[in-house]
C-alpha cells in the first residue's frame, strides 16, 4: 500500500537522493528554505518519500545515499498525508517561509519593530507593499503620528495578554 514515509539520508546527500528518486519516478518531497542566498534542506538528513510498502521497500532502502527508512521493529512508520500538506502550505515559490518572529500580522494588528534604529517602537500593521517584502505601519505616540515603511522580517505581531 502506498503511503508517505520519512527517509533518513546520508549526511549532505538530500539533494542527490531527491534527484535519484525523481528520475526513478518515485514521489519524493524534500522541503527546502533559503538562508543567506543558499537553498538548504529544511530537515537536514531527512525527506519524505511516497512508495508502496512492502513492494518497493528494498528499492528505496538500497538507493545510493539512503541511510534508512524511519520506522521500528515492525517496519517503516507511515506519515499522514495531512502532515505533508501542512508543510507544503508554508511554502512560497517552492521554499518554506520562515517567520523569524512568529505569526504574521493581519491588518490593524499591533506590531513591534524588532531590529534596526526603530527597535522597540510599536504601531499598527496597515498594509503589505509588494516590493522587497516591505510593510507599512502606523506609529502613534504621545504627540507624534506617522507612517513607517519597514522590512516585514523586522517586525513581530504583539499578542495582548488579559
C-alpha atoms as a PDB file:
ATOM      1  CA  UNK A   1       0.000   0.000   0.000  1.00  0.00           C
ATOM      2  CA  UNK A   2       1.346   3.452  -0.936  1.00  0.00           C
ATOM      3  CA  UNK A   3       1.987   5.895   1.904  1.00  0.00           C
ATOM      4  CA  UNK A   4       4.319   8.722   2.822  1.00  0.00           C
ATOM      5  CA  UNK A   5       7.331   7.687   4.881  1.00  0.00           C
ATOM      6  CA  UNK A   6      10.331   9.512   6.352  1.00  0.00           C
ATOM      7  CA  UNK A   7      13.629   8.757   4.710  1.00  0.00           C
ATOM      8  CA  UNK A   8      16.940   9.256   6.543  1.00  0.00           C
ATOM      9  CA  UNK A   9      19.740  10.151   4.113  1.00  0.00           C
ATOM     10  CA  UNK A  10      23.476  10.101   4.478  1.00  0.00           C
ATOM     11  CA  UNK A  11      24.966  13.477   5.524  1.00  0.00           C
ATOM     12  CA  UNK A  12      24.682  16.146   2.812  1.00  0.00           C
ATOM     13  CA  UNK A  13      23.071  13.706   0.328  1.00  0.00           C
ATOM     14  CA  UNK A  14      19.497  15.079   0.482  1.00  0.00           C
ATOM     15  CA  UNK A  15      19.594  16.684  -2.980  1.00  0.00           C
ATOM     16  CA  UNK A  16      21.258  13.651  -4.592  1.00  0.00           C
ATOM     17  CA  UNK A  17      18.689  11.238  -3.119  1.00  0.00           C
ATOM     18  CA  UNK A  18      15.813  13.509  -4.161  1.00  0.00           C
ATOM     19  CA  UNK A  19      17.127  13.618  -7.739  1.00  0.00           C
ATOM     20  CA  UNK A  20      17.575   9.817  -7.928  1.00  0.00           C
ATOM     21  CA  UNK A  21      14.021   9.140  -6.769  1.00  0.00           C
ATOM     22  CA  UNK A  22      12.511  11.758  -9.094  1.00  0.00           C
ATOM     23  CA  UNK A  23      14.420  10.282 -12.026  1.00  0.00           C
ATOM     24  CA  UNK A  24      13.158   6.834 -10.988  1.00  0.00           C
ATOM     25  CA  UNK A  25       9.536   8.004 -10.931  1.00  0.00           C
ATOM     26  CA  UNK A  26       9.086   7.787  -7.172  1.00  0.00           C
ATOM     27  CA  UNK A  27       7.386  10.727  -5.482  1.00  0.00           C
ATOM     28  CA  UNK A  28       9.659  12.469  -3.001  1.00  0.00           C
ATOM     29  CA  UNK A  29       9.216  15.653  -1.003  1.00  0.00           C
ATOM     30  CA  UNK A  30      12.296  17.364   0.401  1.00  0.00           C
ATOM     31  CA  UNK A  31      11.270  20.711   1.960  1.00  0.00           C
ATOM     32  CA  UNK A  32      13.806  23.497   1.441  1.00  0.00           C
ATOM     33  CA  UNK A  33      14.369  27.043   2.646  1.00  0.00           C
ATOM     34  CA  UNK A  34      16.672  29.895   1.702  1.00  0.00           C
ATOM     35  CA  UNK A  35      19.350  31.075   4.125  1.00  0.00           C
ATOM     36  CA  UNK A  36      21.995  33.646   3.197  1.00  0.00           C
ATOM     37  CA  UNK A  37      21.186  33.214  -0.515  1.00  0.00           C
ATOM     38  CA  UNK A  38      21.667  29.413  -0.378  1.00  0.00           C
ATOM     39  CA  UNK A  39      18.997  26.749  -0.692  1.00  0.00           C
ATOM     40  CA  UNK A  40      19.183  24.333   2.240  1.00  0.00           C
ATOM     41  CA  UNK A  41      17.192  21.289   3.359  1.00  0.00           C
ATOM     42  CA  UNK A  42      14.549  22.216   5.936  1.00  0.00           C
ATOM     43  CA  UNK A  43      15.101  18.864   7.691  1.00  0.00           C
ATOM     44  CA  UNK A  44      18.809  18.104   7.156  1.00  0.00           C
ATOM     45  CA  UNK A  45      19.295  14.390   6.622  1.00  0.00           C
ATOM     46  CA  UNK A  46      15.595  13.699   6.127  1.00  0.00           C
ATOM     47  CA  UNK A  47      12.966  13.854   3.416  1.00  0.00           C
ATOM     48  CA  UNK A  48       9.571  12.339   2.707  1.00  0.00           C
ATOM     49  CA  UNK A  49       9.002   9.596   0.171  1.00  0.00           C
ATOM     50  CA  UNK A  50       5.765   8.134  -1.202  1.00  0.00           C
ATOM     51  CA  UNK A  51       6.084   4.466  -2.052  1.00  0.00           C
ATOM     52  CA  UNK A  52       4.395   1.092  -1.846  1.00  0.00           C
ATOM     53  CA  UNK A  53       5.451  -0.780   1.283  1.00  0.00           C
ATOM     54  CA  UNK A  54       6.491  -3.633   1.208  1.00  0.00           C
ATOM     55  CA  UNK A  55       6.611  -3.886  -2.623  1.00  0.00           C
ATOM     56  CA  UNK A  56       9.165  -1.083  -3.223  1.00  0.00           C
ATOM     57  CA  UNK A  57      10.874  -1.210   0.177  1.00  0.00           C
ATOM     58  CA  UNK A  58      14.130  -2.839  -0.981  1.00  0.00           C
ATOM     59  CA  UNK A  59      14.434  -0.443  -3.922  1.00  0.00           C
ATOM     60  CA  UNK A  60      14.037   2.569  -1.589  1.00  0.00           C
ATOM     61  CA  UNK A  61      16.225   1.207   1.204  1.00  0.00           C
ATOM     62  CA  UNK A  62      19.161   0.373  -1.068  1.00  0.00           C
ATOM     63  CA  UNK A  63      19.163   3.543  -3.168  1.00  0.00           C
ATOM     64  CA  UNK A  64      22.509   5.350  -3.135  1.00  0.00           C
ATOM     65  CA  UNK A  65      22.611   7.992  -0.378  1.00  0.00           C
ATOM     66  CA  UNK A  66      19.806   6.450   1.705  1.00  0.00           C
ATOM     67  CA  UNK A  67      20.660   5.514   5.285  1.00  0.00           C
ATOM     68  CA  UNK A  68      17.280   4.045   6.269  1.00  0.00           C
ATOM     69  CA  UNK A  69      13.524   4.396   6.127  1.00  0.00           C
ATOM     70  CA  UNK A  70      12.431   5.620   9.567  1.00  0.00           C
ATOM     71  CA  UNK A  71      10.430   3.038  11.477  1.00  0.00           C
ATOM     72  CA  UNK A  72      10.555   0.473  14.241  1.00  0.00           C
ATOM     73  CA  UNK A  73      10.959  -3.320  14.505  1.00  0.00           C
ATOM     74  CA  UNK A  74       7.655  -3.792  12.670  1.00  0.00           C
ATOM     75  CA  UNK A  75       8.768  -1.747   9.655  1.00  0.00           C
ATOM     76  CA  UNK A  76       8.525   1.826   8.337  1.00  0.00           C
ATOM     77  CA  UNK A  77       6.024   4.132  10.036  1.00  0.00           C
ATOM     78  CA  UNK A  78       3.650   5.910   7.621  1.00  0.00           C
ATOM     79  CA  UNK A  79       3.283   9.695   7.819  1.00  0.00           C
ATOM     80  CA  UNK A  80      -0.273  11.056   7.475  1.00  0.00           C
ATOM     81  CA  UNK A  81      -0.861  12.956   4.203  1.00  0.00           C
ATOM     82  CA  UNK A  82      -2.064  15.919   6.299  1.00  0.00           C
ATOM     83  CA  UNK A  83       1.464  16.408   7.716  1.00  0.00           C
ATOM     84  CA  UNK A  84       2.914  16.739   4.202  1.00  0.00           C
ATOM     85  CA  UNK A  85       0.127  19.133   3.169  1.00  0.00           C
ATOM     86  CA  UNK A  86       0.692  21.346   6.236  1.00  0.00           C
ATOM     87  CA  UNK A  87       4.413  21.638   5.497  1.00  0.00           C
ATOM     88  CA  UNK A  88       3.714  22.367   1.815  1.00  0.00           C
ATOM     89  CA  UNK A  89       1.215  25.060   2.840  1.00  0.00           C
ATOM     90  CA  UNK A  90       4.108  27.051   4.369  1.00  0.00           C
ATOM     91  CA  UNK A  91       5.899  27.199   1.022  1.00  0.00           C
ATOM     92  CA  UNK A  92       6.166  30.264  -1.162  1.00  0.00           C
ATOM     93  CA  UNK A  93       7.700  29.633  -4.603  1.00  0.00           C
ATOM     94  CA  UNK A  94       8.834  26.157  -3.536  1.00  0.00           C
ATOM     95  CA  UNK A  95      10.620  27.279  -0.367  1.00  0.00           C
ATOM     96  CA  UNK A  96       9.476  27.123   3.252  1.00  0.00           C
ATOM     97  CA  UNK A  97       8.847  30.640   4.500  1.00  0.00           C
ATOM     98  CA  UNK A  98      10.444  31.219   7.882  1.00  0.00           C
ATOM     99  CA  UNK A  99       8.828  33.731  10.204  1.00  0.00           C
ATOM    100  CA  UNK A 100      11.682  34.838  12.400  1.00  0.00           C
ATOM    101  CA  UNK A 101       9.419  36.494  14.962  1.00  0.00           C
ATOM    102  CA  UNK A 102       6.397  34.214  14.884  1.00  0.00           C
ATOM    103  CA  UNK A 103       2.976  34.609  13.351  1.00  0.00           C
ATOM    104  CA  UNK A 104       2.430  37.084  10.514  1.00  0.00           C
ATOM    105  CA  UNK A 105       0.343  40.117  11.437  1.00  0.00           C
ATOM    106  CA  UNK A 106      -3.046  40.840   9.896  1.00  0.00           C
ATOM    107  CA  UNK A 107      -4.474  44.262   9.006  1.00  0.00           C
ATOM    108  CA  UNK A 108      -4.697  46.521  12.097  1.00  0.00           C
ATOM    109  CA  UNK A 109      -2.799  44.099  14.361  1.00  0.00           C
ATOM    110  CA  UNK A 110      -0.442  45.696  16.852  1.00  0.00           C
ATOM    111  CA  UNK A 111       3.181  45.056  15.923  1.00  0.00           C
ATOM    112  CA  UNK A 112       6.584  45.780  17.412  1.00  0.00           C
ATOM    113  CA  UNK A 113       9.754  46.591  15.482  1.00  0.00           C
ATOM    114  CA  UNK A 114      12.397  44.023  16.467  1.00  0.00           C
ATOM    115  CA  UNK A 115      15.504  45.228  14.600  1.00  0.00           C
ATOM    116  CA  UNK A 116      17.205  48.398  13.445  1.00  0.00           C
ATOM    117  CA  UNK A 117      17.014  52.010  14.614  1.00  0.00           C
ATOM    118  CA  UNK A 118      13.270  51.782  15.313  1.00  0.00           C
ATOM    119  CA  UNK A 119      13.629  48.709  17.567  1.00  0.00           C
ATOM    120  CA  UNK A 120      11.052  48.711  20.359  1.00  0.00           C
ATOM    121  CA  UNK A 121       8.551  51.022  18.634  1.00  0.00           C
ATOM    122  CA  UNK A 122       5.011  49.754  18.392  1.00  0.00           C
ATOM    123  CA  UNK A 123       2.377  50.543  15.848  1.00  0.00           C
ATOM    124  CA  UNK A 124      -0.455  49.139  13.741  1.00  0.00           C
ATOM    125  CA  UNK A 125       0.082  46.944  10.706  1.00  0.00           C
ATOM    126  CA  UNK A 126      -1.522  48.830   7.818  1.00  0.00           C
ATOM    127  CA  UNK A 127      -0.604  47.073   4.591  1.00  0.00           C
ATOM    128  CA  UNK A 128       1.895  44.913   2.789  1.00  0.00           C
ATOM    129  CA  UNK A 129       3.849  46.509  -0.031  1.00  0.00           C
ATOM    130  CA  UNK A 130       4.924  44.232  -2.838  1.00  0.00           C
ATOM    131  CA  UNK A 131       8.461  45.446  -3.409  1.00  0.00           C
ATOM    132  CA  UNK A 132      11.178  43.732  -1.349  1.00  0.00           C
ATOM    133  CA  UNK A 133       8.733  42.321   1.214  1.00  0.00           C
ATOM    134  CA  UNK A 134       8.171  45.660   2.937  1.00  0.00           C
ATOM    135  CA  UNK A 135       5.187  46.693   5.034  1.00  0.00           C
ATOM    136  CA  UNK A 136       3.562  49.955   6.073  1.00  0.00           C
ATOM    137  CA  UNK A 137       2.926  50.505   9.775  1.00  0.00           C
ATOM    138  CA  UNK A 138       1.228  53.411  11.525  1.00  0.00           C
ATOM    139  CA  UNK A 139       3.110  54.756  14.540  1.00  0.00           C
ATOM    140  CA  UNK A 140       1.049  56.640  17.119  1.00  0.00           C
ATOM    141  CA  UNK A 141       2.908  58.069  20.099  1.00  0.00           C
ATOM    142  CA  UNK A 142       2.091  60.900  22.522  1.00  0.00           C
ATOM    143  CA  UNK A 143       2.301  63.858  20.144  1.00  0.00           C
ATOM    144  CA  UNK A 144       3.563  62.055  17.064  1.00  0.00           C
ATOM    145  CA  UNK A 145       1.676  60.126  14.422  1.00  0.00           C
ATOM    146  CA  UNK A 146       3.463  58.896  11.353  1.00  0.00           C
ATOM    147  CA  UNK A 147       3.897  56.062   8.926  1.00  0.00           C
ATOM    148  CA  UNK A 148       6.918  53.849   8.564  1.00  0.00           C
ATOM    149  CA  UNK A 149       7.854  51.522   5.725  1.00  0.00           C
ATOM    150  CA  UNK A 150       9.995  48.672   7.005  1.00  0.00           C
ATOM    151  CA  UNK A 151      11.048  45.156   6.014  1.00  0.00           C
ATOM    152  CA  UNK A 152       8.466  42.614   7.086  1.00  0.00           C
ATOM    153  CA  UNK A 153      11.092  40.335   8.619  1.00  0.00           C
ATOM    154  CA  UNK A 154      11.930  43.034  11.186  1.00  0.00           C
ATOM    155  CA  UNK A 155       8.513  43.150  12.886  1.00  0.00           C
ATOM    156  CA  UNK A 156       6.523  40.828  15.096  1.00  0.00           C
ATOM    157  CA  UNK A 157       2.867  40.628  15.982  1.00  0.00           C
ATOM    158  CA  UNK A 158       2.118  41.685  19.565  1.00  0.00           C
ATOM    159  CA  UNK A 159      -0.305  39.450  21.431  1.00  0.00           C
ATOM    160  CA  UNK A 160      -2.390  41.144  24.078  1.00  0.00           C
ATOM    161  CA  UNK A 161      -2.438  39.493  27.487  1.00  0.00           C
ATOM    162  CA  UNK A 162      -5.543  39.727  29.618  1.00  0.00           C
END
